[in-house]
Amino acid sequence: MLGNGKVLVSGGLHTGGGIYVSSADLYDPSTITWTSASSMSSPHADAMASILTNDTVLVVGGSAVATLSSAEIYNLPTNTWTST
């Protein structure tokens, strides 16, 4: 859970057609609402995520057809992703 109480959900695999996605959304459990966040630079399915600070999240690895070694950092205040 981020410092503002929201949960970041990013990437994944669309089961309807095996399409890897780079989209991201924020869930607010206090209002039971979803809002769109900016998309990652590239799709990540089965990735690992870790909160670095209350306002940044590291998403690393996973797969998108092949195993990934890339990582991205989501910045909540600016709603941006940075590749690392």
N, C-alpha and C. Protein backbone atom coordinates (compact mmCIF):
# COMPACT_ATOMS: atom_id res chain seq x y z
N MET A 1 0.85 -1.17 0.00
CA MET A 1 0.00 0.00 0.00
C MET A 1 0.90 1.24 0.00
N LEU A 2 0.58 2.17 -0.87
CA LEU A 2 1.35 3.40 -0.97
C LEU A 2 1.06 4.33 0.20
N GLY A 3 1.87 5.35 0.35
CA GLY A 3 1.73 6.29 1.45
C GLY A 3 0.38 6.99 1.49
N ASN A 4 -0.27 7.12 0.31
CA ASN A 4 -1.57 7.78 0.26
C ASN A 4 -2.73 6.80 0.47
N GLY A 5 -2.41 5.54 0.79
CA GLY A 5 -3.44 4.55 1.04
C GLY A 5 -3.93 3.82 -0.19
N LYS A 6 -3.39 4.15 -1.37
CA LYS A 6 -3.81 3.50 -2.61
C LYS A 6 -2.91 2.31 -2.92
N VAL A 7 -3.40 1.46 -3.81
CA VAL A 7 -2.67 0.27 -4.24
C VAL A 7 -2.41 0.38 -5.73
N LEU A 8 -1.16 0.17 -6.15
CA LEU A 8 -0.79 0.20 -7.57
C LEU A 8 -0.89 -1.20 -8.14
N VAL A 9 -1.60 -1.33 -9.26
CA VAL A 9 -1.70 -2.59 -9.99
C VAL A 9 -1.15 -2.32 -11.39
N SER A 10 -0.10 -3.05 -11.79
CA SER A 10 0.54 -2.74 -13.07
C SER A 10 0.86 -3.99 -13.86
N GLY A 11 0.77 -3.85 -15.19
CA GLY A 11 1.14 -4.92 -16.10
C GLY A 11 0.24 -6.13 -16.01
N GLY A 12 0.69 -7.20 -16.63
CA GLY A 12 -0.04 -8.44 -16.59
C GLY A 12 -0.20 -9.06 -17.97
N LEU A 13 -1.05 -10.07 -18.03
CA LEU A 13 -1.30 -10.82 -19.25
C LEU A 13 -2.80 -10.91 -19.44
N HIS A 14 -3.28 -10.41 -20.58
CA HIS A 14 -4.70 -10.49 -20.91
C HIS A 14 -4.99 -11.92 -21.33
N THR A 15 -5.76 -12.63 -20.54
CA THR A 15 -5.96 -14.06 -20.79
C THR A 15 -6.79 -14.34 -22.03
N GLY A 16 -7.53 -13.36 -22.53
CA GLY A 16 -8.36 -13.58 -23.70
C GLY A 16 -7.58 -13.85 -24.97
N GLY A 17 -6.34 -13.37 -25.05
CA GLY A 17 -5.59 -13.56 -26.28
C GLY A 17 -4.10 -13.63 -26.07
N GLY A 18 -3.66 -13.83 -24.84
CA GLY A 18 -2.24 -13.92 -24.58
C GLY A 18 -1.49 -12.64 -24.86
N ILE A 19 -2.13 -11.50 -24.63
CA ILE A 19 -1.52 -10.20 -24.89
C ILE A 19 -0.94 -9.64 -23.59
N TYR A 20 0.35 -9.32 -23.60
CA TYR A 20 1.00 -8.71 -22.44
C TYR A 20 0.65 -7.23 -22.41
N VAL A 21 0.37 -6.71 -21.21
CA VAL A 21 -0.07 -5.31 -21.09
C VAL A 21 0.88 -4.50 -20.22
N SER A 22 0.93 -3.21 -20.52
CA SER A 22 1.79 -2.28 -19.77
C SER A 22 0.98 -1.27 -18.97
N SER A 23 -0.34 -1.44 -18.97
CA SER A 23 -1.20 -0.48 -18.27
C SER A 23 -1.03 -0.57 -16.76
N ALA A 24 -1.43 0.50 -16.08
CA ALA A 24 -1.37 0.55 -14.62
C ALA A 24 -2.59 1.29 -14.09
N ASP A 25 -3.04 0.89 -12.92
CA ASP A 25 -4.20 1.51 -12.29
C ASP A 25 -3.93 1.66 -10.80
N LEU A 26 -4.64 2.60 -10.19
CA LEU A 26 -4.56 2.81 -8.74
C LEU A 26 -5.91 2.50 -8.13
N TYR A 27 -5.92 1.67 -7.09
CA TYR A 27 -7.14 1.33 -6.37
C TYR A 27 -7.13 2.05 -5.03
N ASP A 28 -8.25 2.70 -4.73
CA ASP A 28 -8.40 3.41 -3.45
C ASP A 28 -9.40 2.65 -2.60
N PRO A 29 -8.95 1.87 -1.62
CA PRO A 29 -9.87 1.08 -0.81
C PRO A 29 -10.80 1.92 0.06
N SER A 30 -10.44 3.17 0.34
CA SER A 30 -11.31 4.00 1.17
C SER A 30 -12.55 4.45 0.42
N THR A 31 -12.45 4.56 -0.91
CA THR A 31 -13.60 4.97 -1.72
C THR A 31 -14.07 3.86 -2.66
N ILE A 32 -13.36 2.74 -2.64
CA ILE A 32 -13.66 1.59 -3.51
C ILE A 32 -13.71 2.04 -4.97
N THR A 33 -12.69 2.79 -5.40
CA THR A 33 -12.64 3.28 -6.78
C THR A 33 -11.30 2.97 -7.43
N TRP A 34 -11.33 2.86 -8.74
CA TRP A 34 -10.13 2.66 -9.56
C TRP A 34 -9.91 3.90 -10.41
N THR A 35 -8.64 4.29 -10.57
CA THR A 35 -8.28 5.36 -11.50
C THR A 35 -7.11 4.89 -12.34
N SER A 36 -7.07 5.35 -13.57
CA SER A 36 -5.97 4.98 -14.46
C SER A 36 -4.71 5.72 -14.07
N ALA A 37 -3.60 5.02 -14.09
CA ALA A 37 -2.27 5.63 -13.93
C ALA A 37 -1.61 5.58 -15.30
N SER A 38 -0.49 6.26 -15.45
CA SER A 38 0.21 6.18 -16.73
C SER A 38 0.73 4.75 -16.92
N SER A 39 0.91 4.37 -18.18
CA SER A 39 1.38 3.02 -18.51
C SER A 39 2.88 2.90 -18.38
N MET A 40 3.34 1.69 -18.10
CA MET A 40 4.77 1.42 -18.07
C MET A 40 5.34 1.55 -19.48
N SER A 41 6.65 1.68 -19.58
CA SER A 41 7.30 1.78 -20.88
C SER A 41 7.17 0.50 -21.68
N SER A 42 7.16 -0.64 -20.99
CA SER A 42 7.02 -1.93 -21.65
C SER A 42 6.18 -2.86 -20.78
N PRO A 43 5.57 -3.87 -21.39
CA PRO A 43 4.75 -4.80 -20.61
C PRO A 43 5.59 -5.63 -19.64
N HIS A 44 5.02 -5.91 -18.49
CA HIS A 44 5.63 -6.80 -17.49
C HIS A 44 4.52 -7.69 -16.93
N ALA A 45 4.60 -8.98 -17.15
CA ALA A 45 3.69 -9.93 -16.52
C ALA A 45 4.50 -10.76 -15.53
N ASP A 46 3.89 -11.15 -14.44
CA ASP A 46 4.56 -11.94 -13.40
C ASP A 46 5.80 -11.24 -12.84
N ALA A 47 5.76 -9.93 -12.77
CA ALA A 47 6.89 -9.15 -12.26
C ALA A 47 6.84 -9.07 -10.74
N MET A 48 7.92 -8.61 -10.15
CA MET A 48 7.99 -8.35 -8.72
C MET A 48 7.93 -6.85 -8.50
N ALA A 49 7.29 -6.42 -7.43
CA ALA A 49 7.20 -5.00 -7.12
C ALA A 49 7.57 -4.76 -5.66
N SER A 50 8.17 -3.61 -5.42
CA SER A 50 8.57 -3.24 -4.07
C SER A 50 8.42 -1.74 -3.89
N ILE A 51 7.83 -1.33 -2.77
CA ILE A 51 7.72 0.10 -2.48
C ILE A 51 9.08 0.59 -2.00
N LEU A 52 9.63 1.59 -2.70
CA LEU A 52 10.92 2.15 -2.32
C LEU A 52 10.74 3.24 -1.27
N THR A 53 9.76 4.09 -1.47
CA THR A 53 9.36 5.12 -0.52
C THR A 53 7.85 5.15 -0.56
N ASN A 54 7.24 6.04 0.19
CA ASN A 54 5.78 6.14 0.15
C ASN A 54 5.27 6.56 -1.22
N ASP A 55 6.14 7.12 -2.05
CA ASP A 55 5.69 7.67 -3.33
C ASP A 55 6.32 7.02 -4.55
N THR A 56 7.16 5.99 -4.41
CA THR A 56 7.76 5.32 -5.56
C THR A 56 7.70 3.81 -5.41
N VAL A 57 7.51 3.13 -6.56
CA VAL A 57 7.42 1.67 -6.57
C VAL A 57 8.35 1.14 -7.66
N LEU A 58 9.16 0.15 -7.33
CA LEU A 58 10.04 -0.51 -8.28
C LEU A 58 9.35 -1.76 -8.80
N VAL A 59 9.23 -1.89 -10.13
CA VAL A 59 8.70 -3.09 -10.77
C VAL A 59 9.84 -3.69 -11.58
N VAL A 60 10.15 -4.96 -11.32
CA VAL A 60 11.33 -5.56 -11.96
C VAL A 60 11.02 -6.95 -12.49
N GLY A 61 11.67 -7.26 -13.62
CA GLY A 61 11.60 -8.60 -14.19
C GLY A 61 10.23 -8.98 -14.71
N GLY A 62 9.93 -10.25 -14.62
CA GLY A 62 8.70 -10.78 -15.16
C GLY A 62 8.92 -11.30 -16.56
N SER A 63 7.85 -11.29 -17.34
CA SER A 63 7.97 -11.78 -18.71
C SER A 63 7.07 -10.98 -19.64
N ALA A 64 7.41 -11.02 -20.90
CA ALA A 64 6.61 -10.47 -22.00
C ALA A 64 7.10 -11.22 -23.23
N VAL A 65 6.58 -12.39 -23.45
CA VAL A 65 7.00 -13.37 -24.44
C VAL A 65 8.29 -14.07 -23.98
N ALA A 66 9.31 -13.30 -23.55
CA ALA A 66 10.55 -13.86 -23.00
C ALA A 66 10.76 -13.28 -21.60
N THR A 67 11.65 -13.89 -20.83
CA THR A 67 11.97 -13.39 -19.49
C THR A 67 12.61 -12.01 -19.60
N LEU A 68 12.20 -11.10 -18.72
CA LEU A 68 12.71 -9.72 -18.74
C LEU A 68 13.74 -9.50 -17.64
N SER A 69 14.73 -8.69 -17.94
CA SER A 69 15.69 -8.27 -16.92
C SER A 69 15.58 -6.78 -16.67
N SER A 70 14.58 -6.14 -17.27
CA SER A 70 14.41 -4.70 -17.13
C SER A 70 13.62 -4.36 -15.87
N ALA A 71 13.69 -3.08 -15.51
CA ALA A 71 12.98 -2.59 -14.33
C ALA A 71 12.47 -1.18 -14.61
N GLU A 72 11.40 -0.81 -13.92
CA GLU A 72 10.84 0.53 -14.03
C GLU A 72 10.45 1.01 -12.64
N ILE A 73 10.52 2.32 -12.44
CA ILE A 73 10.12 2.92 -11.17
C ILE A 73 8.93 3.84 -11.42
N TYR A 74 7.85 3.61 -10.65
CA TYR A 74 6.66 4.47 -10.75
C TYR A 74 6.76 5.56 -9.69
N ASN A 75 6.54 6.81 -10.11
CA ASN A 75 6.55 7.96 -9.21
C ASN A 75 5.12 8.44 -9.06
N LEU A 76 4.54 8.27 -7.88
CA LEU A 76 3.14 8.61 -7.64
C LEU A 76 2.83 10.09 -7.83
N PRO A 77 3.61 11.03 -7.25
CA PRO A 77 3.27 12.45 -7.40
C PRO A 77 3.25 12.93 -8.86
N THR A 78 4.15 12.38 -9.69
CA THR A 78 4.20 12.83 -11.09
C THR A 78 3.47 11.90 -12.04
N ASN A 79 3.00 10.75 -11.53
CA ASN A 79 2.31 9.75 -12.34
C ASN A 79 3.15 9.36 -13.56
N THR A 80 4.45 9.11 -13.32
CA THR A 80 5.36 8.75 -14.41
C THR A 80 6.14 7.49 -14.07
N TRP A 81 6.60 6.81 -15.13
CA TRP A 81 7.46 5.65 -15.02
C TRP A 81 8.83 6.01 -15.56
N THR A 82 9.89 5.51 -14.92
CA THR A 82 11.25 5.70 -15.39
C THR A 82 11.90 4.33 -15.53
N SER A 83 12.45 4.05 -16.72
CA SER A 83 13.18 2.79 -16.92
C SER A 83 14.52 2.87 -16.21
N THR A 84 14.94 1.74 -15.62
CA THR A 84 16.24 1.72 -14.94
C THR A 84 17.16 0.70 -15.56
